[in-house]
């Protein structure tokens, strides 16, 4: 994703600046309340507290504090809006770029990969898994980054304010981190299982829908329905298990945060009674505690979504790990216009190790010859055509057309010189005109009409 991120550098910088500004403004938010409590409401204000405010009347201080609340909150809302919009744009652009890359990568993978892979599962990875990543990147990741910055900022200010209370407040954070680590790992495993179940469901649904005629002709509706229901129950069970773990983590975090807050309240109140803290100090500290611990609660809240995003990302990366079907030799040249003299020289091929589909095949087919290949299903007829079009690479031997070794020419320029008639009719989504001109450049309407007439598709 580095190329896409580099293109978003300005937007990332703007979002980061807005996040830092929001953090600073959140740290300032409690201070007007402290001023009111210590300089206006306190029965005996400390002489050293807010001495520069003594020249103002209580009403003036109240008005100033109220205006400060409005200004700080307004500025914070504005920079938070900038950070949210900037982060959403970056997240959407990067993940959309990733989806384009995955789609392109899928079409560059060898046909052997697609023979084993399930189309429904690949569709879920392309649309569903990347959709989960996009949703989390936009709605969960940015708030977590913001809150982590706030946690760091408030922790620093709390230590500056009163290091004893800060130690009390943060003492339970290791326990929270331990709970997040222990339960978070289980949530991640559960989320990955659920995504796998959903991929299997999509694959089963796609297979039965594509073969709807066969399913109905053989009265297999109930059998396919039972198979789908079993997979659906598995996905449901994993979803419930994940939600239960998320709820357990959220409640654990809430209890630990409440314990820390209660301890700070009790110790802080005793310090106020001993005149070592002002009521405003305690109020500000409790406000920082609430603000600073928000990321802890939010992380527990978003843990399930983050785990699903991590599981989805792992499934996407599994596809990217597959090696694309590039040109066999570096520096492969474009294929020249070919006449069609075909030679197979001791060619062997196996779809799976140890199980040869073709073994030591040698063929010489002159230009203009009409060749019929007969044989039972699985004898290698389709494999011959696949090898000739470079859809597969031979395990041994070489294939040449007009004396040009197919490994030395680019697959794209080679395949553009083939005409293919499929056993089953295949139409892409779109009009008949769009299907006829698909992949062909510089075709006029007259050519399209002529082709349609040849195929009995012209009205």
Protein backbone atom coordinates (compact mmCIF):
# COMPACT_ATOMS: atom_id res chain seq x y z
CA UNK A 1 0.00 0.00 0.00
CA UNK A 2 3.04 2.27 0.10
CA UNK A 3 2.43 3.81 -3.38
CA UNK A 4 -1.14 4.72 -2.46
CA UNK A 5 -0.09 6.14 0.91
CA UNK A 6 2.58 8.29 -0.74
CA UNK A 7 -0.10 9.83 -2.96
CA UNK A 8 -2.06 10.80 0.17
CA UNK A 9 0.86 12.46 2.01
CA UNK A 10 -0.71 15.93 2.12
CA UNK A 11 -4.05 14.59 3.35
CA UNK A 12 -2.33 12.38 5.93
CA UNK A 13 -0.33 15.38 7.19
CA UNK A 14 -3.52 17.46 7.46
CA UNK A 15 -5.31 14.69 9.36
CA UNK A 16 -2.34 14.18 11.69
CA UNK A 17 -2.16 17.91 12.44
CA UNK A 18 -5.89 17.98 13.15
CA UNK A 19 -5.54 14.98 15.47
CA UNK A 20 -2.77 16.68 17.44
CA UNK A 21 -4.83 19.87 17.67
CA UNK A 22 -7.85 17.90 18.89
CA UNK A 23 -5.68 16.24 21.53
CA UNK A 24 -4.44 19.59 22.82
CA UNK A 25 -7.94 21.06 22.94
CA UNK A 26 -9.30 18.06 24.83
CA UNK A 27 -6.56 18.56 27.41
CA UNK A 28 -7.62 22.22 27.76
CA UNK A 29 -11.34 21.44 28.11
CA UNK A 30 -11.50 20.93 31.92
CA UNK A 31 -9.52 24.07 32.82
CA UNK A 32 -12.39 26.60 32.65
CA UNK A 33 -14.23 24.45 35.21
CA UNK A 34 -11.18 24.45 37.46
CA UNK A 35 -11.03 28.24 37.27
CA UNK A 36 -14.70 28.53 38.25
CA UNK A 37 -14.35 26.10 41.17
CA UNK A 38 -11.11 27.56 42.53
CA UNK A 39 -11.54 31.28 41.81
CA UNK A 40 -15.32 31.72 42.13
CA UNK A 41 -16.98 28.91 44.09
CA UNK A 42 -14.27 28.07 46.62
CA UNK A 43 -15.04 29.29 50.15
CA UNK A 44 -11.40 30.01 50.90
CA UNK A 45 -9.42 30.26 47.63
CA UNK A 46 -5.73 29.48 48.00
CA UNK A 47 -3.66 32.63 47.84
CA UNK A 48 -1.34 31.16 45.23
CA UNK A 49 -4.17 30.00 42.96
CA UNK A 50 -5.00 32.13 39.94
CA UNK A 51 -3.59 35.32 41.49
CA UNK A 52 -3.89 37.16 38.18
CA UNK A 53 -7.67 36.60 38.29
CA UNK A 54 -8.08 38.47 41.58
CA UNK A 55 -8.38 41.74 39.66
CA UNK A 56 -11.63 40.52 38.04
CA UNK A 57 -15.06 40.19 39.57
CA UNK A 58 -16.64 36.73 39.95
CA UNK A 59 -19.20 37.54 37.24
CA UNK A 60 -16.45 38.49 34.81
CA UNK A 61 -14.58 35.26 35.57
CA UNK A 62 -17.77 33.24 35.03
CA UNK A 63 -18.43 34.91 31.68
CA UNK A 64 -14.82 34.37 30.61
CA UNK A 65 -14.91 30.71 31.65
CA UNK A 66 -18.19 30.15 29.81
CA UNK A 67 -16.79 31.78 26.67
CA UNK A 68 -13.64 29.67 26.98
CA UNK A 69 -15.77 26.50 27.12
CA UNK A 70 -17.59 27.55 23.94
CA UNK A 71 -14.39 28.49 22.09
CA UNK A 72 -12.48 25.36 23.09
CA UNK A 73 -15.41 23.08 22.27
CA UNK A 74 -16.06 24.81 18.96
CA UNK A 75 -12.42 24.60 17.90
CA UNK A 76 -12.22 20.98 18.99
CA UNK A 77 -15.33 20.11 16.99
CA UNK A 78 -13.89 21.84 13.91
CA UNK A 79 -10.49 20.11 14.02
CA UNK A 80 -12.18 16.79 14.85
CA UNK A 81 -14.31 17.24 11.72
CA UNK A 82 -11.18 17.88 9.65
CA UNK A 83 -9.46 14.82 11.13
CA UNK A 84 -12.51 12.62 10.53
CA UNK A 85 -13.00 13.74 6.93
CA UNK A 86 -9.28 13.52 6.15
CA UNK A 87 -8.97 10.09 7.73
CA UNK A 88 -12.09 8.85 5.93
CA UNK A 89 -10.77 10.06 2.57
CA UNK A 90 -7.38 8.43 3.14
CA UNK A 91 -8.95 5.17 4.33
CA UNK A 92 -11.42 4.98 1.46
CA UNK A 93 -8.84 5.84 -1.19
CA UNK A 94 -6.24 3.39 0.09
CA UNK A 95 -8.69 0.51 0.50
CA UNK A 96 -10.29 1.22 -2.90
CA UNK A 97 -6.80 1.15 -4.43
CA UNK A 98 -6.20 -2.15 -2.64
CA UNK A 99 -9.43 -3.59 -4.10
CA UNK A 100 -8.34 -2.56 -7.62
CA UNK A 101 -4.94 -4.17 -7.04
CA UNK A 102 -6.53 -7.39 -5.76
CA UNK A 103 -8.89 -7.58 -8.75
CA UNK A 104 -5.98 -7.08 -11.17
CA UNK A 105 -3.88 -9.61 -9.25
CA UNK A 106 -6.66 -12.22 -9.42
CA UNK A 107 -6.71 -11.99 -13.20
CA UNK A 108 -2.94 -12.41 -13.35
CA UNK A 109 -2.91 -15.61 -11.30
CA UNK A 110 -2.37 -18.93 -13.09
CA UNK A 111 -5.41 -20.83 -14.29
CA UNK A 112 -4.32 -23.65 -11.98
CA UNK A 113 -5.10 -21.36 -9.02
CA UNK A 114 -8.57 -20.57 -10.32
CA UNK A 115 -9.20 -24.26 -10.99
CA UNK A 116 -8.74 -25.01 -7.28
CA UNK A 117 -10.16 -21.78 -5.83
CA UNK A 118 -13.87 -21.23 -5.30
CA UNK A 119 -15.32 -18.25 -7.13
CA UNK A 120 -17.75 -17.38 -4.34
CA UNK A 121 -14.98 -17.28 -1.73
CA UNK A 122 -12.80 -15.09 -3.97
CA UNK A 123 -15.75 -12.74 -4.45
CA UNK A 124 -16.17 -12.46 -0.67
CA UNK A 125 -12.47 -11.61 -0.33
CA UNK A 126 -12.67 -9.01 -3.08
CA UNK A 127 -15.92 -7.37 -1.98
CA UNK A 128 -16.74 -8.46 1.58
CA UNK A 129 -13.32 -8.70 3.23
CA UNK A 130 -12.05 -5.47 1.73
CA UNK A 131 -15.39 -3.88 2.64
CA UNK A 132 -14.80 -4.86 6.28
CA UNK A 133 -11.31 -3.35 6.11
CA UNK A 134 -12.71 -0.13 4.65
CA UNK A 135 -15.42 0.13 7.32
CA UNK A 136 -12.96 -0.34 10.17
CA UNK A 137 -10.36 1.97 8.63
CA UNK A 138 -12.93 4.77 8.42
CA UNK A 139 -15.09 4.28 11.52
CA UNK A 140 -12.87 2.58 14.11
CA UNK A 141 -9.19 3.10 13.40
CA UNK A 142 -9.25 6.91 13.37
CA UNK A 143 -11.12 7.24 16.71
CA UNK A 144 -8.69 4.79 18.28
CA UNK A 145 -5.67 6.76 17.07
CA UNK A 146 -7.25 9.95 18.40
CA UNK A 147 -7.96 8.41 21.78
CA UNK A 148 -4.48 6.92 22.09
CA UNK A 149 -3.01 10.38 21.52
CA UNK A 150 -5.38 11.75 24.16
CA UNK A 151 -4.36 8.98 26.58
CA UNK A 152 -0.68 9.85 26.12
CA UNK A 153 -1.34 13.59 26.50
CA UNK A 154 -3.56 13.27 29.57
CA UNK A 155 -1.13 10.84 31.23
CA UNK A 156 1.68 13.41 30.89
CA UNK A 157 -0.52 16.20 32.29
CA UNK A 158 -1.75 13.99 35.16
CA UNK A 159 1.84 13.27 36.23
CA UNK A 160 2.63 16.98 36.03
CA UNK A 161 -0.51 17.74 38.03
CA UNK A 162 -0.09 15.17 40.82
CA UNK A 163 2.19 12.23 40.32
CA UNK A 164 0.73 10.27 43.25
CA UNK A 165 -2.81 10.36 41.85
CA UNK A 166 -1.44 9.62 38.37
CA UNK A 167 0.21 6.42 39.63
CA UNK A 168 -3.06 5.38 41.30
CA UNK A 169 -5.02 6.12 38.12
CA UNK A 170 -2.69 4.29 35.76
CA UNK A 171 -1.83 1.35 38.04
CA UNK A 172 -4.59 -0.80 36.57
CA UNK A 173 -3.62 -0.20 32.93
CA UNK A 174 -1.35 -3.30 32.83
CA UNK A 175 -4.34 -5.43 33.89
CA UNK A 176 -6.45 -3.86 31.15
CA UNK A 177 -3.68 -4.51 28.60
CA UNK A 178 -3.43 -8.13 29.78
CA UNK A 179 -7.20 -8.63 29.36
CA UNK A 180 -7.12 -7.04 25.91
CA UNK A 181 -4.22 -9.25 24.84
CA UNK A 182 -5.72 -12.47 26.20
CA UNK A 183 -9.27 -11.97 24.96
CA UNK A 184 -8.22 -10.09 21.82
CA UNK A 185 -6.31 -13.13 20.54
CA UNK A 186 -9.39 -15.33 20.99
CA UNK A 187 -11.59 -12.72 19.31
CA UNK A 188 -9.21 -12.64 16.33
CA UNK A 189 -9.30 -16.44 15.94
CA UNK A 190 -13.10 -16.44 16.16
CA UNK A 191 -13.39 -13.60 13.65
CA UNK A 192 -11.15 -15.40 11.18
CA UNK A 193 -13.25 -18.56 11.50
CA UNK A 194 -16.41 -16.57 10.91
CA UNK A 195 -14.95 -14.97 7.77
CA UNK A 196 -13.95 -18.44 6.55
CA UNK A 197 -17.49 -19.71 7.13
CA UNK A 198 -18.89 -16.74 5.24
CA UNK A 199 -16.54 -17.42 2.33
CA UNK A 200 -17.67 -21.05 2.24
CA UNK A 201 -21.31 -19.93 2.35
CA UNK A 202 -20.77 -17.60 -0.59
CA UNK A 203 -19.00 -20.35 -2.54
CA UNK A 204 -21.83 -22.84 -1.89
CA UNK A 205 -24.47 -20.28 -2.83
CA UNK A 206 -22.65 -19.32 -6.04
CA UNK A 207 -22.21 -22.95 -7.08
CA UNK A 208 -25.86 -23.85 -6.55
CA UNK A 209 -27.17 -20.69 -8.23
CA UNK A 210 -24.91 -21.08 -11.28
CA UNK A 211 -26.01 -24.72 -11.58
CA UNK A 212 -29.67 -23.94 -10.83
CA UNK A 213 -30.91 -25.95 -13.83
CA UNK A 214 -29.02 -29.05 -12.75
CA UNK A 215 -30.11 -28.63 -9.13
CA UNK A 216 -33.77 -28.45 -10.12
CA UNK A 217 -33.52 -31.17 -12.75
CA UNK A 218 -32.09 -33.60 -10.18
CA UNK A 219 -34.37 -32.36 -7.35
CA UNK A 220 -31.37 -31.40 -5.20
CA UNK A 221 -32.96 -28.29 -3.67
CA UNK A 222 -33.40 -29.81 -0.21
CA UNK A 223 -29.94 -31.36 -0.13
CA UNK A 224 -28.26 -28.09 -1.12
CA UNK A 225 -30.51 -26.27 1.35
CA UNK A 226 -29.39 -28.54 4.20
CA UNK A 227 -25.74 -28.07 3.25
CA UNK A 228 -26.17 -24.29 3.18
CA UNK A 229 -28.03 -24.34 6.51
CA UNK A 230 -25.19 -26.27 8.20
CA UNK A 231 -22.67 -23.70 7.01
CA UNK A 232 -24.98 -20.88 8.07
CA UNK A 233 -25.29 -22.34 11.57
CA UNK A 234 -21.49 -22.53 11.79
CA UNK A 235 -21.18 -18.86 10.84
CA UNK A 236 -23.90 -17.96 13.36
CA UNK A 237 -22.15 -19.89 16.15
CA UNK A 238 -18.82 -18.17 15.48
CA UNK A 239 -20.56 -14.78 15.40
CA UNK A 240 -22.22 -15.38 18.78
CA UNK A 241 -18.95 -16.63 20.26
CA UNK A 242 -17.18 -13.51 19.03
CA UNK A 243 -19.85 -11.19 20.45
CA UNK A 244 -19.66 -12.97 23.81
CA UNK A 245 -15.89 -12.47 23.93
CA UNK A 246 -16.29 -8.81 22.94
CA UNK A 247 -18.86 -8.26 25.70
CA UNK A 248 -16.58 -9.97 28.22
CA UNK A 249 -13.69 -7.71 27.24
CA UNK A 250 -15.84 -4.56 27.38
CA UNK A 251 -17.18 -5.40 30.85
CA UNK A 252 -13.69 -6.25 32.13
CA UNK A 253 -12.36 -2.91 30.90
CA UNK A 254 -15.34 -1.02 32.36
CA UNK A 255 -14.88 -2.61 35.80
CA UNK A 256 -11.14 -1.89 35.90
CA UNK A 257 -11.71 1.71 34.80
CA UNK A 258 -14.38 2.09 37.50
CA UNK A 259 -12.00 0.73 40.15
CA UNK A 260 -9.32 3.24 39.10
CA UNK A 261 -11.84 6.10 39.12
CA UNK A 262 -13.13 5.15 42.59
CA UNK A 263 -9.58 4.98 43.96
CA UNK A 264 -8.71 8.40 42.52
CA UNK A 265 -11.95 9.89 43.85
CA UNK A 266 -11.37 8.58 47.37
CA UNK A 267 -7.69 9.51 47.58
CA UNK A 268 -8.25 12.85 45.82
CA UNK A 269 -11.08 13.81 48.18
CA UNK A 270 -8.83 13.09 51.17
CA UNK A 271 -6.14 15.31 49.64
CA UNK A 272 -8.71 18.11 49.17
CA UNK A 273 -9.75 17.74 52.81
CA UNK A 274 -6.10 18.00 53.79
CA UNK A 275 -5.81 21.17 51.64
CA UNK A 276 -3.18 19.54 49.46
CA UNK A 277 -5.46 19.80 46.42
CA UNK A 278 -8.19 22.23 45.47
CA UNK A 279 -11.66 21.03 44.43
CA UNK A 280 -10.86 22.32 40.97
CA UNK A 281 -7.70 20.22 40.87
CA UNK A 282 -9.69 17.09 41.70
CA UNK A 283 -12.36 17.97 39.15
CA UNK A 284 -9.77 18.46 36.40
CA UNK A 285 -8.01 15.24 37.37
CA UNK A 286 -11.24 13.24 37.25
CA UNK A 287 -12.05 14.80 33.88
CA UNK A 288 -8.63 13.78 32.60
CA UNK A 289 -9.16 10.30 33.99
CA UNK A 290 -12.47 9.96 32.14
CA UNK A 291 -11.01 11.37 28.92
CA UNK A 292 -7.77 9.42 29.16
CA UNK A 293 -9.45 6.09 29.83
CA UNK A 294 -11.80 6.49 26.86
CA UNK A 295 -9.37 4.68 24.52
CA UNK A 296 -9.36 1.73 26.91
CA UNK A 297 -13.14 1.40 26.70
CA UNK A 298 -13.14 2.15 22.97
CA UNK A 299 -10.51 -0.46 22.26
CA UNK A 300 -12.65 -3.03 24.03
CA UNK A 301 -15.68 -1.74 22.13
CA UNK A 302 -13.95 -1.90 18.75
CA UNK A 303 -11.94 -5.06 19.44
CA UNK A 304 -14.38 -7.28 17.56
CA UNK A 305 -14.39 -5.02 14.52
CA UNK A 306 -10.61 -4.73 14.59
CA UNK A 307 -10.31 -8.52 14.83
CA UNK A 308 -12.66 -8.94 11.87
CA UNK A 309 -10.60 -6.42 9.91
CA UNK A 310 -7.38 -8.26 10.79
CA UNK A 311 -8.94 -11.58 9.75
CA UNK A 312 -10.21 -10.03 6.52
CA UNK A 313 -6.78 -8.53 5.82
CA UNK A 314 -5.14 -11.93 6.36
CA UNK A 315 -7.52 -13.51 3.82
CA UNK A 316 -6.74 -10.75 1.32
CA UNK A 317 -2.99 -11.13 1.86
CA UNK A 318 -3.30 -14.89 1.27
CA UNK A 319 -4.41 -14.09 -2.28
CA UNK A 320 -1.63 -11.53 -2.77
CA UNK A 321 0.87 -14.21 -1.70
CA UNK A 322 -0.05 -16.26 -4.78
CA UNK A 323 2.55 -15.84 -7.54
CA UNK A 324 1.07 -14.24 -10.69
CA UNK A 325 1.34 -15.90 -14.08
CA UNK A 326 3.87 -13.56 -15.66
CA UNK A 327 5.92 -14.02 -18.80
CA UNK A 328 8.21 -16.99 -18.38
CA UNK A 329 11.42 -15.31 -19.45
CA UNK A 330 12.60 -11.83 -18.64
CA UNK A 331 12.58 -9.61 -21.72
CA UNK A 332 9.88 -11.59 -23.53
CA UNK A 333 8.98 -9.88 -26.81
CA UNK A 334 5.64 -9.30 -28.49
CA UNK A 335 4.48 -12.20 -30.61
CA UNK A 336 4.75 -11.48 -34.38
CA UNK A 337 1.80 -12.27 -36.69
CA UNK A 338 1.53 -16.05 -36.55
CA UNK A 339 0.62 -18.37 -39.43
CA UNK A 340 -0.14 -21.33 -37.16
CA UNK A 341 2.54 -24.04 -37.50
CA UNK A 342 2.34 -25.74 -34.09
CA UNK A 343 4.95 -28.00 -32.48
CA UNK A 344 4.78 -29.79 -29.12
CA UNK A 345 8.22 -31.17 -28.26
CA UNK A 346 8.11 -33.89 -25.55
CA UNK A 347 5.60 -31.93 -23.45
CA UNK A 348 4.36 -33.17 -20.06
CA UNK A 349 1.97 -31.45 -17.67
CA UNK A 350 0.45 -32.28 -14.26
CA UNK A 351 -2.34 -30.39 -12.49
CA UNK A 352 -1.17 -32.01 -9.25
CA UNK A 353 2.28 -33.39 -8.42
CA UNK A 354 2.60 -37.03 -9.42
CA UNK A 355 -0.58 -37.10 -11.57
CA UNK A 356 0.30 -36.37 -15.20
CA UNK A 357 -2.48 -35.07 -17.44
CA UNK A 358 -0.11 -35.23 -20.44
CA UNK A 359 3.06 -37.28 -20.68
CA UNK A 360 5.81 -36.81 -23.28
CA UNK A 361 3.52 -35.49 -26.03
CA UNK A 362 5.08 -34.61 -29.39
CA UNK A 363 2.98 -33.02 -32.15
CA UNK A 364 3.72 -31.32 -35.47
CA UNK A 365 0.73 -29.52 -37.01
CA UNK A 366 1.39 -27.66 -40.30
CA UNK A 367 -0.15 -24.33 -41.26
CA UNK A 368 -3.75 -24.62 -42.44
CA UNK A 369 -4.32 -28.13 -41.09
CA UNK A 370 -7.61 -29.06 -39.41
CA UNK A 371 -6.97 -31.28 -36.39
CA UNK A 372 -9.58 -33.12 -34.32
CA UNK A 373 -8.48 -34.41 -30.93
CA UNK A 374 -10.63 -37.28 -29.70
CA UNK A 375 -10.54 -38.96 -26.33
CA UNK A 376 -12.50 -39.66 -23.16
CA UNK A 377 -13.09 -37.04 -20.49
CA UNK A 378 -9.88 -36.27 -18.63
CA UNK A 379 -7.57 -37.49 -21.39
CA UNK A 380 -6.00 -34.03 -21.82
CA UNK A 381 -7.83 -32.44 -24.76
CA UNK A 382 -8.53 -29.17 -22.94
CA UNK A 383 -5.05 -29.24 -21.43
CA UNK A 384 -3.52 -29.22 -24.93
CA UNK A 385 -5.38 -26.01 -25.81
CA UNK A 386 -4.55 -24.47 -22.44
CA UNK A 387 -0.86 -25.13 -22.97
CA UNK A 388 -1.01 -23.74 -26.51
CA UNK A 389 -2.53 -20.50 -25.22
CA UNK A 390 -0.06 -20.29 -22.31
CA UNK A 391 -2.85 -20.74 -19.75
CA UNK A 392 -0.57 -23.37 -18.21
CA UNK A 393 3.17 -23.89 -18.30
CA UNK A 394 4.47 -27.35 -19.32
CA UNK A 395 6.32 -29.29 -16.65
CA UNK A 396 8.78 -30.53 -19.28
CA UNK A 397 9.31 -29.93 -22.97
CA UNK A 398 8.62 -26.90 -25.13
CA UNK A 399 5.84 -25.55 -27.35
CA UNK A 400 6.44 -23.39 -30.43
CA UNK A 401 4.32 -21.69 -33.10
CA UNK A 402 6.05 -20.87 -36.39
CA UNK A 403 9.31 -21.71 -34.63
CA UNK A 404 8.75 -19.13 -31.86
CA UNK A 405 9.14 -20.66 -28.39
CA UNK A 406 6.02 -19.57 -26.49
CA UNK A 407 8.13 -18.89 -23.40
CA UNK A 408 9.89 -16.09 -25.29
CA UNK A 409 6.78 -14.10 -26.30
CA UNK A 410 4.33 -12.20 -24.10
CA UNK A 411 1.15 -14.06 -23.21
CA UNK A 412 -1.07 -11.08 -24.06
CA UNK A 413 0.14 -10.65 -27.65
CA UNK A 414 0.03 -14.43 -28.15
CA UNK A 415 -3.55 -14.87 -26.93
CA UNK A 416 -4.87 -11.95 -28.97
CA UNK A 417 -4.18 -14.02 -32.10
CA UNK A 418 -6.40 -16.92 -30.98
CA UNK A 419 -10.09 -17.39 -31.67
CA UNK A 420 -11.84 -19.45 -29.03
CA UNK A 421 -15.19 -21.21 -29.30
CA UNK A 422 -16.36 -22.39 -25.88
CA UNK A 423 -18.36 -25.54 -25.30
CA UNK A 424 -20.91 -23.58 -23.24
CA UNK A 425 -22.19 -20.14 -24.25
CA UNK A 426 -20.84 -17.37 -22.04
CA UNK A 427 -22.10 -13.79 -22.05
CA UNK A 428 -20.72 -11.05 -19.84
CA UNK A 429 -23.09 -8.55 -18.23
CA UNK A 430 -23.93 -5.91 -20.85
CA UNK A 431 -25.39 -5.67 -24.32
CA UNK A 432 -24.80 -8.05 -27.24
CA UNK A 433 -22.80 -5.26 -28.91
CA UNK A 434 -20.55 -4.92 -25.83
CA UNK A 435 -19.97 -8.67 -25.73
CA UNK A 436 -18.98 -8.81 -29.42
CA UNK A 437 -16.45 -5.96 -29.20
CA UNK A 438 -15.11 -7.05 -25.79
CA UNK A 439 -11.31 -7.05 -25.92
CA UNK A 440 -11.13 -5.94 -29.56
CA UNK A 441 -10.07 -2.43 -30.57
CA UNK A 442 -11.06 -0.44 -33.65
CA UNK A 443 -14.23 -2.39 -34.50
CA UNK A 444 -16.94 -0.55 -36.45
CA UNK A 445 -20.68 -1.09 -36.37
CA UNK A 446 -20.59 -2.93 -39.70
CA UNK A 447 -18.13 -5.46 -38.29
CA UNK A 448 -20.29 -5.93 -35.20
CA UNK A 449 -23.42 -6.52 -37.31
CA UNK A 450 -21.57 -9.01 -39.51
CA UNK A 451 -20.32 -10.91 -36.47
CA UNK A 452 -23.80 -10.91 -34.93
CA UNK A 453 -25.28 -12.34 -38.14
CA UNK A 454 -22.67 -15.10 -38.18
CA UNK A 455 -23.64 -16.00 -34.62
CA UNK A 456 -27.40 -15.77 -35.33
CA UNK A 457 -27.57 -12.97 -32.77
CA UNK A 458 -28.72 -10.16 -35.08
CA UNK A 459 -32.32 -9.00 -35.20
